[in-house]
Structure formats: structure tokens, C-alpha cells
Amino acid sequence: MLARAAYSTLLRLATPLYLARLWWRGRREPLYRHALYERLGFAATAAASSTASATATASATAAASATASATPARVWLHAVSLGETLAARPLIEALRSQHPGLRLLLTHGTATGRAAGLALLRNGDAQAWLPYDTPGAVRRFFKRQQPALGVLMETEVWPNLLHAAQQANVPMVLANARLSARSLAKGLRLGALLRPAVASFARVLAQTAADAQRLRQAGALTTEVIGNLKFDLSPDARQQAQGRAWRDGLGRPVVLMASSREGEEPPLLAAWLQLPAPRPLLLLVPRHPQRFDAVAALVRQAGLQLQRRSAWADAPPADARPADAPPADAPPATAAQADVWLGDSVGEMPLYYALADVALLGGSFEPLGGHNLIEAAACGCPLVMGPHTFNFAQAAVGALAAGAALRADGMAAAVQRAQALLADPALPAWGARALAFAAQHRGAAARMAAAVLAQLRPAPN
């Protein structure tokens, strides 16, 4: 109680700085400035429109079972950023399949998450920002939104939010839950704050047995191993076809640096310059959109010719002109002749994986834990991982054991391993093993949806 009171006081004092930071980020990502009042729990968002027709929604609702129709249908799901929002898609689809009358409230913390979440909404659904974790903001949120059930994705544990849910009698589920050993150690330093919050979950649905064990150490009372939702994601078929078509038109191999983080690009470019000519095409996709321009500048400083994905739409890139003007003494080159393509777009990772022969896993070459390696496997793209994959520890071990990925101890070694894979006649077999690895672990969405819906309480008569 005292720990949460101290925490709440600090957050209240920091509220002006929090809002100022959001406004500052809105310079480059204007969506951060949208509906700032929602961050303080002040307004309910109007029901979102959707491409689904009202007739289809009414038909689905009419088909709901008697049991489903007798329970509250307003399910609130929080997916903080782009990765969690994409992972939530199969869960949302499974929830709607098992409970056709469901109405969704979807909340986010980042602009990319909110933009991606818009595509998941149907008529009758709503979307909002997650309120800042002050007592007043979260109380207002529950009073206005009145969810019947709350679902937080992966690692989202907010002490005041969870306390307010208890006060409002809203059962909470932590879905697709994961907790690394490093995060557990950090959390236990604030055990007086963390443990009551984690213990308040009605159900914790863990990705792996190791995650479940660590979550119990953090205070979870009811944990189950369900699996990882990201295995149930189906890559966009149109994007994959487009990526393969572009790859066929290039006539040269492609190495993808997927979801790179700050500090990873300079050693990558340095290692790339050490490769003998002719080099493969380097496809560089930064994790965060606000870094696109900075990464483009790094490529130019390295003396490499750059072409940005934003320079063309759906036309074959071989027909596009380079985004950067070439030196006066050099002839203009097409995009296909560039040294580096910068993937400065959001939501096109299936295209990039289909375009690549081999990928390097961003976030794994700095102590950041790595990013989603499952998406690469689902696209049939072999991976070279760095030493830091604690965010996807079991998936990384599984991919290595399945022959779908390799490990390197640093960026220079990873570039060399990628180059060796390109020359390996068995490279197609690596892609086939990646696809088989991804398919082997599907099914978590249906199991997780059933566990979530089991927490819905009957509506009062």
C-alpha cells in the first residue's frame, strides 16, 4: 500500500513531463498528439467504424450461443505497441469466433500500435489510449469504458491500473505472458509494488514453462502455459508475393537486417564494407520509424549508395530512381543497382522477409533481447541471430535446434555467416525448415481465447 502510494505520487509529479514528451514525439509522429485527454482517462472514444458491414455484424451476433449472449460482451484488450498489436490479431479473431457477440475495446501506448490496431476493429468496437497509471486517470478510464473483462498483452503490469480493476470488479488476464530473467531481477527490486499487481491477475497465460515459473516468482497465483500467439500469425500473402517478385527481378542475393536498433547499424555497415565485391544487396529495416532519417544518414556517411523504400509504391523497384542524388561524376543508377535499400515503411515485414535470402535479427546484437524471430520463420527466411535473444529465449533455442537459424557472437561474425549461407547450395532447405518450425507451434490463439473467455462473468439479471 505504501509502495503504491509513493509510486502514485511520483507519477502525479511527472504527469506534465509525460504529456510534454508525448507532444514532443508528435512532431515526427502526429498520432501521439491525438486525443491526449484519453491519456488521463477523461473521454470515452466513439465506437469505431469498420469495413465490416452492420449486416454481417448483426448476423454474427444472432449466431452467438445462448451462453455467450448471456455474458457481458465488452472485452478490453491492451496491446501497447506494434509488435503486441500484431500478435493480438489471432487472439482477437479466436475470441470473435468463440464469442460472436463480443465487442472490443482496444487500447495502445504507441502511435504505431494504434495505427495498426485500427485494422482490427469492427462496427461496435472502440479504440483509445491506455491511461497514464495515476489513480485518477485509471479510475476515470474504468468508469467511462466499463469493460466486462480486461486483457493485457505480454509484459504489461501497471500497479494502479490493476488495483482500479479490482475496485471495479473487472477480472484481468495477462495473455501471451513472458518475463525474462533480467526483467524478473529488476522487478523483484520493487517487489512491494510488483507482487500485489501480478497477484491481482485472475489468470496468467504464459508463453513457456520458464516464463510461467518466473511469473510465479513475481507473484502470479494462477499460471498456465498456453504457447506463443506469434506462431499463429499468418504473413500477408500479397506482401509476400510482391517481395518474391521483386527478388526475382534483382538478379542478386539479398541480406535483410530486420528491426535494427540504435547502435547496431554502424558495426553492420562497417562489416558490410569488408565484404568483397560484388556485394549482396543490404536491405536495412530500422525498428522505429523516427530513426529512418538518422539511419539513412549513417548509410550515406559510410559511402554506400542508398535507395529508400518510400521512393516507390508498388512498381518494381528496378524501375525507380534513387532517393539520393548521385555524385556529379557518377551516372544515375536504378534502385536495383543501389548498395542499400532502406525499409522506411511500417507493416511490411512479410514483404521484406520474402525479398530476402537471409536475415539478421535486430535487437540481438545489443543487449536488448532481440525481436520477433517467429515472423521470419513463418515467411521461410533463415536467420542469423546475435548473442542477445532473451526476449524470445525458447523460440531462439527451438529455431536453432530445428535448423532454421544460426547464432553469431557479434555483427562481423553474423555478416560472414550470412555470406556463407548465401553460397550454401542447401540454402532452400534452411527456408523449408524455418517454415516447418513455425507450423509446428501453431494453435495458441484458440487455447488462449478459451481461457480468456472463461473469465467472463454472467451479466446481472
Protein backbone atom coordinates (compact mmCIF):
# COMPACT_ATOMS: atom_id res chain seq x y z
CA MET A 1 0.00 0.00 0.00
CA LEU A 2 2.77 2.43 0.96
CA ALA A 3 4.80 1.43 -2.09
CA ARG A 4 1.88 2.12 -4.44
CA ALA A 5 1.19 5.44 -2.71
CA ALA A 6 4.81 6.54 -3.25
CA TYR A 7 4.67 5.33 -6.85
CA SER A 8 1.44 7.27 -7.43
CA THR A 9 2.92 10.46 -6.01
CA LEU A 10 5.90 10.23 -8.35
CA LEU A 11 3.65 9.68 -11.36
CA ARG A 12 1.44 12.64 -10.45
CA LEU A 13 4.51 14.87 -10.22
CA ALA A 14 5.77 13.54 -13.56
CA THR A 15 2.46 13.99 -15.42
CA PRO A 16 3.41 17.34 -17.04
CA LEU A 17 6.70 15.85 -18.26
CA TYR A 18 4.88 12.77 -19.58
CA LEU A 19 2.45 14.90 -21.60
CA ALA A 20 5.24 17.15 -22.83
CA ARG A 21 7.18 14.11 -24.03
CA LEU A 22 4.15 12.85 -25.98
CA TRP A 23 3.71 16.28 -27.56
CA TRP A 24 7.41 16.33 -28.48
CA ARG A 25 7.19 12.88 -30.11
CA GLY A 26 4.20 14.15 -32.02
CA ARG A 27 6.49 16.37 -34.10
CA ARG A 28 7.51 13.32 -36.12
CA GLU A 29 4.57 11.03 -35.37
CA PRO A 30 1.47 13.27 -35.23
CA LEU A 31 -0.74 10.49 -33.86
CA TYR A 32 0.93 10.99 -30.45
CA ARG A 33 -0.84 14.36 -30.23
CA HIS A 34 -4.22 12.85 -30.97
CA ALA A 35 -6.75 12.63 -28.10
CA LEU A 36 -4.24 13.42 -25.35
CA TYR A 37 -7.15 13.66 -22.91
CA GLU A 38 -7.54 9.89 -23.20
CA ARG A 39 -4.10 9.53 -21.62
CA LEU A 40 -5.65 10.98 -18.46
CA GLY A 41 -8.77 8.82 -18.66
CA PHE A 42 -11.09 11.71 -19.47
CA ALA A 43 -13.02 10.59 -22.53
CA ALA A 44 -14.65 7.55 -23.98
CA THR A 45 -13.92 7.01 -27.66
CA ALA A 46 -16.83 6.75 -30.00
CA ALA A 47 -17.46 3.33 -31.47
CA ALA A 48 -15.09 2.78 -34.35
CA SER A 49 -16.24 2.31 -37.88
CA SER A 50 -15.09 -0.67 -39.82
CA THR A 51 -15.13 -2.17 -43.26
CA ALA A 52 -17.30 -4.94 -41.91
CA SER A 53 -20.94 -4.21 -42.65
CA ALA A 54 -23.54 -3.76 -39.96
CA THR A 55 -25.46 -6.63 -41.55
CA ALA A 56 -22.53 -9.01 -41.11
CA THR A 57 -22.09 -7.91 -37.51
CA ALA A 58 -25.79 -8.42 -36.78
CA SER A 59 -25.70 -11.87 -38.36
CA ALA A 60 -22.69 -12.86 -36.29
CA THR A 61 -24.34 -11.62 -33.14
CA ALA A 62 -27.50 -13.55 -33.91
CA ALA A 63 -25.43 -16.69 -34.30
CA ALA A 64 -23.96 -16.40 -30.81
CA SER A 65 -24.73 -19.22 -28.43
CA ALA A 66 -27.20 -18.77 -25.60
CA THR A 67 -24.35 -18.95 -23.12
CA ALA A 68 -22.31 -16.31 -24.93
CA SER A 69 -25.24 -13.94 -25.29
CA ALA A 70 -25.91 -14.22 -21.56
CA THR A 71 -22.49 -12.82 -20.69
CA PRO A 72 -21.09 -9.30 -20.97
CA ALA A 73 -19.55 -8.83 -24.41
CA ARG A 74 -17.30 -5.79 -23.83
CA VAL A 75 -13.75 -7.15 -23.75
CA TRP A 76 -10.92 -4.69 -23.29
CA LEU A 77 -7.55 -5.69 -24.76
CA HIS A 78 -4.39 -3.63 -24.32
CA ALA A 79 -1.59 -4.01 -26.87
CA VAL A 80 1.00 -1.34 -26.11
CA SER A 81 2.97 -1.18 -29.36
CA LEU A 82 3.12 -2.51 -32.93
CA GLY A 83 4.50 -5.93 -32.02
CA GLU A 84 1.87 -6.64 -29.38
CA THR A 85 -0.90 -5.32 -31.64
CA LEU A 86 0.12 -7.64 -34.47
CA ALA A 87 0.37 -10.56 -32.03
CA ALA A 88 -3.12 -9.77 -30.73
CA ARG A 89 -4.70 -10.30 -34.15
CA PRO A 90 -5.03 -14.11 -33.97
CA LEU A 91 -6.28 -13.84 -30.38
CA ILE A 92 -8.94 -11.30 -31.38
CA GLU A 93 -10.01 -13.50 -34.29
CA ALA A 94 -10.26 -16.52 -31.98
CA LEU A 95 -12.21 -14.52 -29.38
CA ARG A 96 -14.73 -13.46 -32.03
CA SER A 97 -15.02 -17.00 -33.33
CA GLN A 98 -15.73 -18.39 -29.87
CA HIS A 99 -17.89 -15.43 -28.75
CA PRO A 100 -19.59 -13.91 -31.82
CA GLY A 101 -21.29 -11.18 -29.79
CA LEU A 102 -18.03 -9.76 -28.50
CA ARG A 103 -17.45 -6.02 -28.62
CA LEU A 104 -13.83 -4.96 -28.39
CA LEU A 105 -12.16 -2.03 -26.68
CA LEU A 106 -8.58 -1.84 -27.95
CA THR A 107 -6.01 0.36 -26.20
CA HIS A 108 -2.40 1.20 -27.04
CA GLY A 109 0.58 3.18 -25.82
CA THR A 110 2.41 3.93 -29.09
CA ALA A 111 1.44 5.57 -32.36
CA THR A 112 2.45 2.57 -34.48
CA GLY A 113 0.39 0.28 -32.25
CA ARG A 114 -2.70 2.47 -32.54
CA ALA A 115 -2.37 2.80 -36.31
CA ALA A 116 -2.08 -0.97 -36.73
CA GLY A 117 -4.94 -1.60 -34.30
CA LEU A 118 -7.40 0.35 -36.44
CA ALA A 119 -7.47 -2.53 -38.93
CA LEU A 120 -8.58 -4.94 -36.18
CA LEU A 121 -11.77 -3.05 -35.31
CA ARG A 122 -15.33 -3.83 -36.35
CA ASN A 123 -18.59 -1.95 -36.03
CA GLY A 124 -19.38 -1.51 -32.36
CA ASP A 125 -15.72 -1.65 -31.28
CA ALA A 126 -13.75 1.24 -29.80
CA GLN A 127 -10.14 2.34 -29.60
CA ALA A 128 -8.35 4.57 -27.08
CA TRP A 129 -5.01 5.31 -25.48
CA LEU A 130 -4.18 3.46 -22.29
CA PRO A 131 -4.49 5.94 -19.41
CA TYR A 132 -1.37 7.09 -17.60
CA ASP A 133 -1.03 4.97 -14.45
CA THR A 134 -2.17 7.57 -11.91
CA PRO A 135 -5.07 6.66 -9.60
CA GLY A 136 -7.39 9.33 -11.00
CA ALA A 137 -6.73 8.51 -14.66
CA VAL A 138 -7.32 4.79 -14.27
CA ARG A 139 -10.48 5.32 -12.17
CA ARG A 140 -11.91 7.57 -14.87
CA PHE A 141 -10.99 5.00 -17.52
CA PHE A 142 -12.95 2.20 -15.84
CA LYS A 143 -15.90 4.46 -15.05
CA ARG A 144 -16.25 5.60 -18.66
CA GLN A 145 -15.32 2.43 -20.57
CA GLN A 146 -16.91 -0.16 -18.23
CA PRO A 147 -15.25 -3.28 -19.66
CA ALA A 148 -16.52 -6.67 -18.56
CA LEU A 149 -13.04 -8.20 -18.82
CA GLY A 150 -9.51 -6.87 -19.32
CA VAL A 151 -6.64 -8.50 -21.20
CA LEU A 152 -3.09 -7.12 -21.04
CA MET A 153 -0.58 -8.44 -23.57
CA GLU A 154 2.84 -9.94 -22.75
CA THR A 155 4.59 -7.83 -20.10
CA GLU A 156 2.17 -5.01 -19.28
CA VAL A 157 1.86 -4.78 -15.49
CA TRP A 158 0.57 -1.42 -14.20
CA PRO A 159 0.01 -1.30 -10.41
CA ASN A 160 -2.68 1.40 -10.27
CA LEU A 161 -4.49 0.09 -13.33
CA LEU A 162 -4.71 -3.38 -11.83
CA HIS A 163 -5.78 -2.02 -8.44
CA ALA A 164 -8.52 0.01 -10.12
CA ALA A 165 -9.66 -3.10 -11.99
CA GLN A 166 -10.06 -4.90 -8.67
CA GLN A 167 -12.04 -1.98 -7.28
CA ALA A 168 -14.27 -2.00 -10.38
CA ASN A 169 -14.69 -5.80 -10.15
CA VAL A 170 -13.17 -6.32 -13.61
CA PRO A 171 -11.25 -9.62 -13.93
CA MET A 172 -7.85 -9.18 -15.59
CA VAL A 173 -5.87 -11.65 -17.70
CA LEU A 174 -2.20 -11.39 -18.68
CA ALA A 175 -2.11 -13.04 -22.12
CA ASN A 176 0.85 -14.29 -24.15
CA ALA A 177 2.78 -13.52 -21.00
CA ARG A 178 6.54 -13.53 -20.91
CA LEU A 179 9.13 -12.46 -18.36
CA SER A 180 12.87 -12.73 -18.86
CA ALA A 181 15.27 -13.49 -16.03
CA ARG A 182 16.66 -9.96 -16.37
CA SER A 183 13.21 -8.37 -16.11
CA LEU A 184 12.35 -10.55 -13.11
CA ALA A 185 15.50 -9.47 -11.29
CA LYS A 186 14.69 -5.81 -11.95
CA GLY A 187 11.08 -6.27 -10.90
CA LEU A 188 11.90 -8.00 -7.65
CA ARG A 189 13.86 -4.95 -6.54
CA LEU A 190 10.44 -3.30 -6.42
CA GLY A 191 8.69 -6.39 -5.10
CA ALA A 192 6.42 -4.44 -2.76
CA LEU A 193 4.94 -2.77 -5.83
CA LEU A 194 5.18 -5.62 -8.36
CA ARG A 195 3.93 -8.60 -6.36
CA PRO A 196 0.46 -7.28 -5.44
CA ALA A 197 -0.07 -6.14 -9.03
CA VAL A 198 0.90 -9.50 -10.56
CA ALA A 199 -1.08 -11.39 -7.89
CA SER A 200 -4.23 -9.48 -8.89
CA PHE A 201 -4.46 -11.19 -12.30
CA ALA A 202 -7.29 -13.70 -12.44
CA ARG A 203 -5.27 -15.71 -14.92
CA VAL A 204 -1.74 -15.55 -16.35
CA LEU A 205 -1.36 -17.31 -19.72
CA ALA A 206 2.37 -17.82 -20.26
CA GLN A 207 4.25 -18.47 -23.48
CA THR A 208 6.63 -21.05 -21.99
CA ALA A 209 7.18 -23.06 -18.82
CA ALA A 210 10.19 -20.88 -17.98
CA ASP A 211 8.04 -17.75 -18.33
CA ALA A 212 5.38 -19.30 -16.09
CA GLN A 213 7.94 -20.13 -13.41
CA ARG A 214 9.36 -16.61 -13.41
CA LEU A 215 5.87 -15.09 -13.32
CA ARG A 216 5.07 -17.21 -10.25
CA GLN A 217 8.23 -15.86 -8.64
CA ALA A 218 6.96 -12.37 -9.45
CA GLY A 219 3.71 -13.07 -7.59
CA ALA A 220 1.32 -14.69 -10.08
CA LEU A 221 -1.17 -17.00 -8.37
CA THR A 222 -2.70 -18.76 -11.39
CA THR A 223 -0.38 -19.51 -14.32
CA GLU A 224 -0.83 -21.75 -17.34
CA VAL A 225 1.48 -22.48 -20.26
CA ILE A 226 -0.51 -21.77 -23.44
CA GLY A 227 2.12 -21.04 -26.10
CA ASN A 228 3.10 -18.03 -28.17
CA LEU A 229 0.46 -16.21 -30.21
CA LYS A 230 3.06 -15.07 -32.71
CA PHE A 231 3.24 -18.58 -34.14
CA ASP A 232 -0.42 -18.18 -35.17
CA LEU A 233 0.23 -15.08 -37.25
CA SER A 234 -0.16 -15.66 -40.99
CA PRO A 235 2.11 -13.40 -43.07
CA ASP A 236 0.32 -11.22 -45.58
CA ALA A 237 0.18 -13.29 -48.79
CA ARG A 238 0.03 -10.25 -51.09
CA GLN A 239 3.10 -8.70 -49.49
CA GLN A 240 4.99 -11.98 -49.73
CA ALA A 241 4.15 -12.35 -53.41
CA GLN A 242 5.31 -8.80 -54.04
CA GLY A 243 8.57 -9.41 -52.19
CA ARG A 244 9.29 -12.58 -54.16
CA ALA A 245 8.55 -10.79 -57.43
CA TRP A 246 10.98 -8.01 -56.55
CA ARG A 247 13.59 -10.58 -55.52
CA ASP A 248 13.27 -12.41 -58.84
CA GLY A 249 13.81 -9.15 -60.72
CA LEU A 250 17.00 -8.20 -58.89
CA GLY A 251 19.42 -10.83 -60.12
CA ARG A 252 21.49 -10.59 -56.93
CA PRO A 253 21.21 -12.02 -53.39
CA VAL A 254 19.61 -10.01 -50.57
CA VAL A 255 20.54 -9.88 -46.88
CA LEU A 256 17.99 -8.28 -44.55
CA MET A 257 18.79 -6.55 -41.28
CA ALA A 258 15.37 -6.88 -39.64
CA SER A 259 14.22 -4.38 -36.99
CA SER A 260 17.63 -2.89 -36.29
CA ARG A 261 18.12 -0.86 -33.13
CA GLU A 262 20.32 2.11 -32.30
CA GLY A 263 23.95 1.02 -32.04
CA GLU A 264 23.58 -1.89 -34.46
CA GLU A 265 23.80 -0.09 -37.80
CA PRO A 266 27.39 1.31 -37.54
CA PRO A 267 29.03 -2.12 -36.96
CA LEU A 268 26.75 -3.63 -39.62
CA LEU A 269 27.84 -1.07 -42.22
CA ALA A 270 31.49 -1.44 -41.21
CA ALA A 271 31.28 -5.22 -41.62
CA TRP A 272 29.41 -4.81 -44.89
CA LEU A 273 32.20 -2.70 -46.37
CA GLN A 274 34.65 -5.53 -45.65
CA LEU A 275 32.80 -7.92 -47.97
CA PRO A 276 34.39 -8.47 -51.37
CA ALA A 277 32.65 -7.09 -54.44
CA PRO A 278 30.16 -7.75 -55.82
CA ARG A 279 28.28 -7.50 -52.53
CA PRO A 280 24.72 -8.68 -51.94
CA LEU A 281 22.04 -6.04 -51.62
CA LEU A 282 21.67 -4.97 -47.99
CA LEU A 283 18.04 -4.41 -47.01
CA LEU A 284 18.08 -2.38 -43.78
CA VAL A 285 14.81 -2.02 -41.82
CA PRO A 286 15.03 0.03 -38.58
CA ARG A 287 12.71 -0.97 -35.76
CA HIS A 288 11.41 2.55 -35.06
CA PRO A 289 10.08 4.92 -37.76
CA GLN A 290 11.50 8.00 -36.04
CA ARG A 291 15.01 6.68 -36.83
CA PHE A 292 14.55 6.29 -40.60
CA ASP A 293 16.29 9.57 -41.46
CA ALA A 294 19.12 9.01 -38.99
CA VAL A 295 19.83 5.54 -40.40
CA ALA A 296 19.73 6.91 -43.95
CA ALA A 297 22.39 9.43 -42.89
CA LEU A 298 24.57 6.63 -41.50
CA VAL A 299 24.39 4.77 -44.82
CA ARG A 300 25.41 7.89 -46.73
CA GLN A 301 28.30 8.56 -44.31
CA ALA A 302 29.55 5.03 -44.99
CA GLY A 303 29.81 5.92 -48.68
CA LEU A 304 27.14 3.43 -49.76
CA GLN A 305 24.51 4.24 -52.36
CA LEU A 306 21.07 4.33 -50.78
CA GLN A 307 17.58 3.75 -52.09
CA ARG A 308 14.59 4.28 -49.78
CA ARG A 309 11.50 2.11 -49.96
CA SER A 310 9.40 5.27 -49.78
CA ALA A 311 10.76 6.30 -53.20
CA TRP A 312 8.42 3.88 -54.95
CA ALA A 313 4.96 2.42 -54.40
CA ASP A 314 4.08 -0.99 -55.82
CA ALA A 315 6.05 -0.65 -59.06
CA PRO A 316 9.10 -2.90 -59.40
CA PRO A 317 11.96 -1.11 -57.63
CA ALA A 318 14.28 -1.75 -60.55
CA ASP A 319 12.31 0.96 -62.36
CA ALA A 320 12.57 3.50 -59.54
CA ARG A 321 15.17 6.23 -59.37
CA PRO A 322 17.44 6.54 -56.33
CA ALA A 323 16.26 8.74 -53.50
CA ASP A 324 19.72 10.30 -53.10
CA ALA A 325 21.20 12.30 -55.95
CA PRO A 326 24.43 10.59 -57.11
CA PRO A 327 27.75 12.45 -57.25
CA ALA A 328 28.17 14.70 -60.26
CA ASP A 329 30.82 12.39 -61.79
CA ALA A 330 28.73 9.22 -61.40
CA PRO A 331 25.95 8.07 -63.69
CA PRO A 332 22.45 7.79 -62.20
CA ALA A 333 21.60 4.29 -61.01
CA THR A 334 18.33 2.44 -60.65
CA ALA A 335 17.19 1.14 -57.29
CA ALA A 336 18.32 -2.35 -58.29
CA GLN A 337 21.91 -1.09 -58.51
CA ALA A 338 21.97 0.54 -55.07
CA ASP A 339 24.16 -0.83 -52.28
CA VAL A 340 21.49 -0.49 -49.59
CA TRP A 341 17.72 -0.37 -49.56
CA LEU A 342 16.25 1.33 -46.52
CA GLY A 343 12.93 -0.20 -45.49
CA ASP A 344 11.36 3.06 -44.32
CA SER A 345 7.81 1.75 -44.09
CA VAL A 346 5.64 0.26 -41.35
CA GLY A 347 3.77 -3.05 -41.55
CA GLU A 348 5.69 -4.55 -44.49
CA MET A 349 7.91 -7.10 -42.76
CA PRO A 350 6.39 -10.04 -44.71
CA LEU A 351 7.40 -8.25 -47.93
CA TYR A 352 10.94 -7.72 -46.63
CA TYR A 353 11.34 -11.31 -45.43
CA ALA A 354 10.07 -12.65 -48.78
CA LEU A 355 12.52 -10.37 -50.57
CA ALA A 356 15.50 -11.60 -48.52
CA ASP A 357 17.56 -14.76 -48.84
CA VAL A 358 18.90 -14.47 -45.28
CA ALA A 359 18.04 -12.15 -42.37
CA LEU A 360 19.96 -10.81 -39.38
CA LEU A 361 17.82 -10.42 -36.25
CA GLY A 362 17.72 -6.84 -34.98
CA GLY A 363 17.90 -6.17 -31.26
CA SER A 364 20.03 -9.29 -30.75
CA PHE A 365 23.42 -7.65 -31.37
CA GLU A 366 22.97 -5.23 -28.48
CA PRO A 367 21.77 -6.35 -25.01
CA LEU A 368 18.14 -5.66 -25.91
CA GLY A 369 16.78 -9.20 -26.03
CA GLY A 370 16.07 -9.50 -29.75
CA HIS A 371 12.85 -9.04 -31.69
CA ASN A 372 10.27 -11.39 -33.16
CA LEU A 373 12.16 -14.22 -34.86
CA ILE A 374 8.93 -16.19 -35.38
CA GLU A 375 7.79 -13.89 -38.21
CA ALA A 376 10.96 -14.69 -40.15
CA ALA A 377 10.35 -18.43 -39.72
CA ALA A 378 6.72 -18.09 -40.84
CA CYS A 379 7.98 -16.41 -44.01
CA GLY A 380 10.55 -19.15 -44.63
CA CYS A 381 13.53 -16.84 -44.17
CA PRO A 382 16.64 -18.29 -42.45
CA LEU A 383 18.00 -16.16 -39.59
CA VAL A 384 21.36 -15.28 -38.15
CA MET A 385 20.90 -14.21 -34.52
CA GLY A 386 23.24 -12.27 -32.28
CA PRO A 387 24.08 -13.26 -28.70
CA HIS A 388 21.12 -11.47 -27.03
CA THR A 389 17.77 -13.22 -27.57
CA PHE A 390 16.37 -13.36 -24.03
CA ASN A 391 13.03 -11.86 -25.13
CA PHE A 392 12.45 -14.95 -27.29
CA ALA A 393 14.68 -17.42 -25.47
CA GLN A 394 12.71 -20.62 -26.07
CA ALA A 395 11.85 -19.71 -29.67
CA ALA A 396 15.54 -18.99 -30.33
CA VAL A 397 16.59 -22.35 -28.90
CA GLY A 398 13.86 -24.08 -30.92
CA ALA A 399 14.86 -22.34 -34.16
CA LEU A 400 18.49 -23.33 -33.68
CA ALA A 401 17.55 -26.94 -32.92
CA ALA A 402 15.24 -27.05 -35.97
CA GLY A 403 17.99 -25.84 -38.30
CA ALA A 404 16.06 -22.66 -39.07
CA ALA A 405 18.61 -20.23 -37.61
CA LEU A 406 22.28 -19.74 -36.75
CA ARG A 407 23.93 -17.92 -33.88
CA ALA A 408 26.82 -15.44 -34.17
CA ASP A 409 28.73 -13.78 -31.34
CA GLY A 410 28.78 -10.34 -32.96
CA MET A 411 27.87 -8.31 -36.02
CA ALA A 412 31.02 -9.00 -38.03
CA ALA A 413 30.64 -12.74 -37.49
CA ALA A 414 26.94 -12.53 -38.38
CA VAL A 415 27.67 -10.83 -41.71
CA GLN A 416 30.21 -13.54 -42.51
CA ARG A 417 27.73 -16.29 -41.60
CA ALA A 418 25.07 -14.69 -43.77
CA GLN A 419 27.53 -14.53 -46.66
CA ALA A 420 28.35 -18.20 -46.17
CA LEU A 421 24.67 -19.14 -46.16
CA LEU A 422 24.17 -17.35 -49.47
CA ALA A 423 26.83 -19.59 -51.00
CA ASP A 424 25.40 -22.76 -49.45
CA PRO A 425 23.63 -24.98 -52.05
CA ALA A 426 21.39 -26.18 -49.18
CA LEU A 427 20.00 -22.66 -48.55
CA PRO A 428 16.47 -23.63 -49.76
CA ALA A 429 16.44 -26.38 -47.12
CA TRP A 430 17.05 -23.75 -44.42
CA GLY A 431 13.94 -21.92 -45.56
CA ALA A 432 11.88 -25.14 -45.59
CA ARG A 433 12.99 -25.95 -42.05
CA ALA A 434 12.03 -22.44 -40.93
CA LEU A 435 8.51 -22.92 -42.31
CA ALA A 436 8.20 -26.31 -40.61
CA PHE A 437 9.38 -24.87 -37.29
CA ALA A 438 6.75 -22.13 -37.41
CA ALA A 439 3.93 -24.51 -38.38
CA GLN A 440 4.81 -26.94 -35.58
CA HIS A 441 3.91 -24.46 -32.83
CA ARG A 442 0.57 -23.08 -34.02
CA GLY A 443 -2.64 -23.30 -32.01
CA ALA A 444 -2.06 -20.97 -29.06
CA ALA A 445 -4.74 -18.48 -30.17
CA ALA A 446 -7.69 -20.86 -29.78
CA ARG A 447 -6.45 -22.12 -26.41
CA MET A 448 -5.82 -18.61 -25.17
CA ALA A 449 -9.21 -17.32 -26.32
CA ALA A 450 -10.96 -20.12 -24.42
CA ALA A 451 -9.00 -19.32 -21.26
CA VAL A 452 -9.76 -15.59 -21.57
CA LEU A 453 -13.48 -16.07 -22.17
CA ALA A 454 -13.71 -18.40 -19.18
CA GLN A 455 -13.20 -15.27 -17.04
CA LEU A 456 -16.29 -13.52 -18.40
CA ARG A 457 -18.86 -13.23 -15.66
CA PRO A 458 -22.58 -13.69 -16.33
CA ALA A 459 -24.45 -10.44 -16.84
CA PRO A 460 -26.70 -9.44 -13.96
CA ASN A 461 -30.40 -10.14 -14.49
